[in-house]
C-alpha atoms as a PDB file:
ATOM      1  CA  MET A   1     -28.514 -33.538  11.917  1.00  0.00           C
ATOM      2  CA  GLY A   2     -28.658 -33.642   8.108  1.00  0.00           C
ATOM      3  CA  ARG A   3     -25.839 -33.309   5.674  1.00  0.00           C
ATOM      4  CA  LYS A   4     -25.406 -30.039   3.778  1.00  0.00           C
ATOM      5  CA  THR A   5     -26.705 -30.137   0.238  1.00  0.00           C
ATOM      6  CA  ARG A   6     -23.916 -29.745  -2.274  1.00  0.00           C
ATOM      7  CA  ILE A   7     -24.766 -27.410  -5.136  1.00  0.00           C
ATOM      8  CA  ASP A   8     -22.989 -28.147  -8.390  1.00  0.00           C
ATOM      9  CA  GLN A   9     -21.419 -24.793  -9.318  1.00  0.00           C
ATOM     10  CA  GLU A  10     -21.293 -25.537 -13.039  1.00  0.00           C
ATOM     11  CA  GLU A  11     -24.979 -26.421 -13.116  1.00  0.00           C
ATOM     12  CA  LEU A  12     -25.763 -23.375 -10.979  1.00  0.00           C
ATOM     13  CA  ALA A  13     -23.840 -21.127 -13.391  1.00  0.00           C
ATOM     14  CA  ARG A  14     -25.617 -22.639 -16.413  1.00  0.00           C
ATOM     15  CA  LEU A  15     -29.093 -22.315 -14.917  1.00  0.00           C
ATOM     16  CA  ALA A  16     -28.468 -18.801 -13.635  1.00  0.00           C
ATOM     17  CA  ALA A  17     -27.237 -17.793 -17.106  1.00  0.00           C
ATOM     18  CA  GLU A  18     -30.496 -19.162 -18.505  1.00  0.00           C
ATOM     19  CA  GLY A  19     -32.304 -16.671 -16.289  1.00  0.00           C
ATOM     20  CA  TRP A  20     -33.588 -18.933 -13.533  1.00  0.00           C
ATOM     21  CA  THR A  21     -34.755 -16.976 -10.475  1.00  0.00           C
ATOM     22  CA  ASN A  22     -33.214 -17.624  -7.087  1.00  0.00           C
ATOM     23  CA  ALA A  23     -36.523 -19.125  -5.936  1.00  0.00           C
ATOM     24  CA  ARG A  24     -36.553 -21.589  -8.841  1.00  0.00           C
ATOM     25  CA  LEU A  25     -32.894 -22.456  -8.263  1.00  0.00           C
ATOM     26  CA  ALA A  26     -33.606 -23.044  -4.562  1.00  0.00           C
ATOM     27  CA  ASP A  27     -36.445 -25.420  -5.429  1.00  0.00           C
ATOM     28  CA  HIS A  28     -34.280 -27.209  -7.986  1.00  0.00           C
ATOM     29  CA  PHE A  29     -31.358 -27.740  -5.606  1.00  0.00           C
ATOM     30  CA  GLY A  30     -33.505 -28.306  -2.515  1.00  0.00           C
ATOM     31  CA  VAL A  31     -32.101 -25.384  -0.536  1.00  0.00           C
ATOM     32  CA  THR A  32     -33.283 -21.966   0.607  1.00  0.00           C
ATOM     33  CA  GLU A  33     -32.909 -18.804  -1.465  1.00  0.00           C
ATOM     34  CA  SER A  34     -30.281 -17.736   1.056  1.00  0.00           C
ATOM     35  CA  GLY A  35     -28.392 -20.944   0.242  1.00  0.00           C
ATOM     36  CA  ILE A  36     -28.536 -20.053  -3.450  1.00  0.00           C
ATOM     37  CA  LEU A  37     -27.196 -16.559  -2.755  1.00  0.00           C
ATOM     38  CA  GLN A  38     -24.333 -18.051  -0.740  1.00  0.00           C
ATOM     39  CA  ALA A  39     -23.585 -20.567  -3.498  1.00  0.00           C
ATOM     40  CA  LYS A  40     -23.637 -17.805  -6.131  1.00  0.00           C
ATOM     41  CA  ARG A  41     -21.173 -15.747  -4.077  1.00  0.00           C
ATOM     42  CA  ALA A  42     -18.920 -18.772  -3.616  1.00  0.00           C
ATOM     43  CA  ALA A  43     -19.035 -19.450  -7.369  1.00  0.00           C
ATOM     44  CA  GLY A  44     -18.343 -15.809  -8.233  1.00  0.00           C
ATOM     45  CA  LEU A  45     -21.752 -15.455  -9.867  1.00  0.00           C
ATOM     46  CA  SER A  46     -23.199 -12.641  -7.791  1.00  0.00           C
ATOM     47  CA  LYS A  47     -22.727  -9.003  -8.602  1.00  0.00           C
ATOM     48  CA  ARG A  48     -20.466  -7.185  -6.238  1.00  0.00           C
ATOM     49  CA  MET A  49     -22.266  -4.873  -3.894  1.00  0.00           C
ATOM     50  CA  THR A  50     -22.068  -1.210  -4.767  1.00  0.00           C
ATOM     51  CA  ASP A  51     -20.486   0.791  -1.948  1.00  0.00           C
ATOM     52  CA  HIS A  52     -22.124   4.208  -1.609  1.00  0.00           C
ATOM     53  CA  ARG A  53     -20.147   5.394   1.442  1.00  0.00           C
ATOM     54  CA  ARG A  54     -18.174   7.906  -0.625  1.00  0.00           C
ATOM     55  CA  ALA A  55     -21.366   9.591  -1.874  1.00  0.00           C
ATOM     56  CA  LEU A  56     -23.310   9.046   1.363  1.00  0.00           C
ATOM     57  CA  PRO A  57     -20.722   9.379   4.148  1.00  0.00           C
ATOM     58  CA  TRP A  58     -23.393   9.928   6.794  1.00  0.00           C
ATOM     59  CA  THR A  59     -25.309   7.417   8.873  1.00  0.00           C
ATOM     60  CA  LEU A  60     -28.828   8.087   7.683  1.00  0.00           C
ATOM     61  CA  ARG A  61     -31.903   7.752   9.793  1.00  0.00           C
ATOM     62  CA  ARG A  62     -34.422   5.335   8.334  1.00  0.00           C
ATOM     63  CA  GLU A  63     -36.877   8.095   7.438  1.00  0.00           C
ATOM     64  CA  HIS A  64     -34.206   9.849   5.347  1.00  0.00           C
ATOM     65  CA  SER A  65     -32.742   6.822   3.565  1.00  0.00           C
ATOM     66  CA  GLN A  66     -35.211   6.880   0.666  1.00  0.00           C
ATOM     67  CA  SER A  67     -35.429  10.658   0.302  1.00  0.00           C
ATOM     68  CA  GLY A  68     -34.743  12.364  -3.010  1.00  0.00           C
ATOM     69  CA  PRO A  69     -31.213  13.486  -2.081  1.00  0.00           C
ATOM     70  CA  ALA A  70     -30.264  10.012  -0.778  1.00  0.00           C
ATOM     71  CA  THR A  71     -31.644   8.339  -3.900  1.00  0.00           C
ATOM     72  CA  ASN A  72     -29.916  10.814  -6.213  1.00  0.00           C
ATOM     73  CA  LEU A  73     -26.588  10.400  -4.411  1.00  0.00           C
ATOM     74  CA  ARG A  74     -26.871   6.586  -4.608  1.00  0.00           C
ATOM     75  CA  ASN A  75     -27.646   6.790  -8.332  1.00  0.00           C
ATOM     76  CA  LEU A  76     -24.671   9.080  -8.984  1.00  0.00           C
ATOM     77  CA  SER A  77     -22.495   6.769  -6.890  1.00  0.00           C
ATOM     78  CA  ALA A  78     -23.643   3.708  -8.834  1.00  0.00           C
ATOM     79  CA  VAL A  79     -22.768   5.376 -12.140  1.00  0.00           C
ATOM     80  CA  ALA A  80     -19.397   6.520 -10.792  1.00  0.00           C
ATOM     81  CA  GLN A  81     -18.672   2.855  -9.944  1.00  0.00           C
ATOM     82  CA  GLY A  82     -19.470   1.685 -13.460  1.00  0.00           C
ATOM     83  CA  ARG A  83     -23.039   0.512 -12.892  1.00  0.00           C
ATOM     84  CA  ARG A  84     -25.744   1.174 -15.440  1.00  0.00           C
ATOM     85  CA  ILE A  85     -28.944   2.694 -14.157  1.00  0.00           C
ATOM     86  CA  PRO A  86     -32.098   3.676 -16.047  1.00  0.00           C
ATOM     87  CA  ALA A  87     -31.619   6.885 -18.043  1.00  0.00           C
ATOM     88  CA  ASP A  88     -34.505   8.675 -16.325  1.00  0.00           C
ATOM     89  CA  LYS A  89     -32.982   8.036 -12.883  1.00  0.00           C
ATOM     90  CA  LEU A  90     -29.568   9.216 -14.047  1.00  0.00           C
ATOM     91  CA  ASN A  91     -31.048  12.329 -15.666  1.00  0.00           C
ATOM     92  CA  THR A  92     -32.950  13.184 -12.483  1.00  0.00           C
ATOM     93  CA  ALA A  93     -29.830  12.807 -10.339  1.00  0.00           C
ATOM     94  CA  VAL A  94     -27.640  14.798 -12.742  1.00  0.00           C
ATOM     95  CA  ARG A  95     -30.198  17.636 -13.048  1.00  0.00           C
ATOM     96  CA  TRP A  96     -30.528  17.800  -9.260  1.00  0.00           C
ATOM     97  CA  ALA A  97     -26.773  17.856  -8.634  1.00  0.00           C
ATOM     98  CA  THR A  98     -26.120  20.283 -11.502  1.00  0.00           C
ATOM     99  CA  ARG A  99     -28.724  22.705 -10.116  1.00  0.00           C
ATOM    100  CA  LEU A 100     -26.938  22.661  -6.761  1.00  0.00           C
ATOM    101  CA  VAL A 101     -23.471  23.134  -8.243  1.00  0.00           C
ATOM    102  CA  ASP A 102     -24.604  25.869 -10.657  1.00  0.00           C
ATOM    103  CA  ASN A 103     -26.159  27.765  -7.748  1.00  0.00           C
ATOM    104  CA  GLY A 104     -23.094  27.454  -5.506  1.00  0.00           C
ATOM    105  CA  LEU A 105     -24.808  25.010  -3.184  1.00  0.00           C
ATOM    106  CA  ASP A 106     -23.806  21.760  -1.555  1.00  0.00           C
ATOM    107  CA  ILE A 107     -25.732  19.100   0.326  1.00  0.00           C
ATOM    108  CA  ALA A 108     -25.406  18.455   4.030  1.00  0.00           C
ATOM    109  CA  TYR A 109     -27.055  15.955   6.333  1.00  0.00           C
ATOM    110  CA  ASP A 110     -28.188  16.176   9.912  1.00  0.00           C
ATOM    111  CA  PRO A 111     -30.102  13.325  11.563  1.00  0.00           C
ATOM    112  CA  GLU A 112     -32.673  15.751  12.962  1.00  0.00           C
ATOM    113  CA  ARG A 113     -33.176  17.932   9.865  1.00  0.00           C
ATOM    114  CA  GLY A 114     -32.367  15.397   7.184  1.00  0.00           C
ATOM    115  CA  PHE A 115     -30.739  16.599   3.979  1.00  0.00           C
ATOM    116  CA  HIS A 116     -30.472  20.317   3.429  1.00  0.00           C
ATOM    117  CA  GLU A 117     -28.751  22.662   1.028  1.00  0.00           C
ATOM    118  CA  VAL A 118     -25.842  24.751   2.258  1.00  0.00           C
ATOM    119  CA  PRO A 119     -23.439  27.158   0.557  1.00  0.00           C
ATOM    120  CA  ALA A 120     -20.715  25.188  -1.214  1.00  0.00           C
ATOM    121  CA  GLY A 121     -17.192  25.467   0.046  1.00  0.00           C
ATOM    122  CA  ALA A 122     -13.960  24.875  -1.855  1.00  0.00           C
ATOM    123  CA  ASP A 123     -14.389  21.103  -1.337  1.00  0.00           C
ATOM    124  CA  SER A 124     -18.007  20.708  -2.448  1.00  0.00           C
ATOM    125  CA  HIS A 125     -19.309  17.210  -1.755  1.00  0.00           C
ATOM    126  CA  ILE A 126     -21.974  17.346  -4.446  1.00  0.00           C
ATOM    127  CA  ALA A 127     -19.552  18.745  -7.047  1.00  0.00           C
ATOM    128  CA  ARG A 128     -17.159  15.851  -6.374  1.00  0.00           C
ATOM    129  CA  VAL A 129     -19.885  13.186  -6.588  1.00  0.00           C
ATOM    130  CA  LEU A 130     -21.300  14.732  -9.775  1.00  0.00           C
ATOM    131  CA  GLY A 131     -17.817  15.001 -11.305  1.00  0.00           C
ATOM    132  CA  GLU A 132     -17.081  11.329 -10.585  1.00  0.00           C
ATOM    133  CA  ALA A 133     -20.369  10.262 -12.181  1.00  0.00           C
ATOM    134  CA  ARG A 134     -19.764  12.439 -15.253  1.00  0.00           C
ATOM    135  CA  ARG A 135     -16.225  11.079 -15.735  1.00  0.00           C
ATOM    136  CA  ALA A 136     -17.458   7.495 -15.472  1.00  0.00           C
ATOM    137  CA  THR A 137     -20.271   8.210 -17.949  1.00  0.00           C
ATOM    138  CA  GLU A 138     -17.831   9.770 -20.426  1.00  0.00           C
ATOM    139  CA  GLN A 139     -15.443   6.822 -20.085  1.00  0.00           C
ATOM    140  CA  ALA A 140     -18.282   4.350 -20.653  1.00  0.00           C
ATOM    141  CA  GLN A 141     -19.418   6.252 -23.744  1.00  0.00           C
ATOM    142  CA  GLU A 142     -15.867   6.319 -25.102  1.00  0.00           C
ATOM    143  CA  ALA A 143     -15.494   2.577 -24.481  1.00  0.00           C
ATOM    144  CA  ARG A 144     -18.767   1.868 -26.275  1.00  0.00           C
ATOM    145  CA  GLY A 145     -17.638   4.081 -29.163  1.00  0.00           C
ATOM    146  CA  GLN A 146     -14.330   2.211 -29.479  1.00  0.00           C
ATOM    147  CA  ALA A 147     -16.101  -1.147 -29.399  1.00  0.00           C
ATOM    148  CA  ARG A 148     -18.051  -0.314 -32.544  1.00  0.00           C
END
């Protein structure tokens, strides 16, 4: 049984900052890409995972996980958590959610039917998710404005 390869965290940080891919790092250190991912996590170099459970509180069936509503909710969730996403994806998600809110609609999910629009109640899921994304966007814009 072989000894575990020790990855120098300082060298890993330097090479990752230079833009080396995980595959190149794995070759360099003589480990698998999974080993590089584990080393990056241990060194605090990996991005934290975005948790979309607040925006997508349902257990989605595989065939619904990449649908328009699921994608839009994930994009709004990412923005609400301070992530930057491409402007076109954000615009699509905001337009979709705004259309629902403006028309008094909400989104619901059923494993058999998938996502479907329903009349919004007092505690509209889509209005909350959209509001969180808008607040985060405004805060980010204010922070960028103050940094100038």
